């Protein structure tokens, strides 16, 4: 008792404060990617990989070109949600140059 066995799974449960901090980080990272013209599907894939890697398996994620919403819940607890508005200052016209005609 009290000692950790390398063969046993580690406790990946997070406190509410840790969950908030992780969701804020993920939301900020997603916002930066979307505002840098990363595709929505790529942002969703990367964020899902990250939240899974840090043990937040009960996350719902919705990304569009105008908003990002990430919610986490545990049975019997209120959900914790982080939201970001996505603002792209000007059209990324330089990306259109590479499109075939």
Foldseek 3Di string as FASTA:
>chain_A
DPDDDPPDDDDLDDDPVVVLVVQVVLQVVLLVCLLVVNDPVVSVVVSQVVCVVSPQPQWDWDDDSFKIKIWGDDPPDDIDMDMDTHDHPDDPCVVVVPDDD
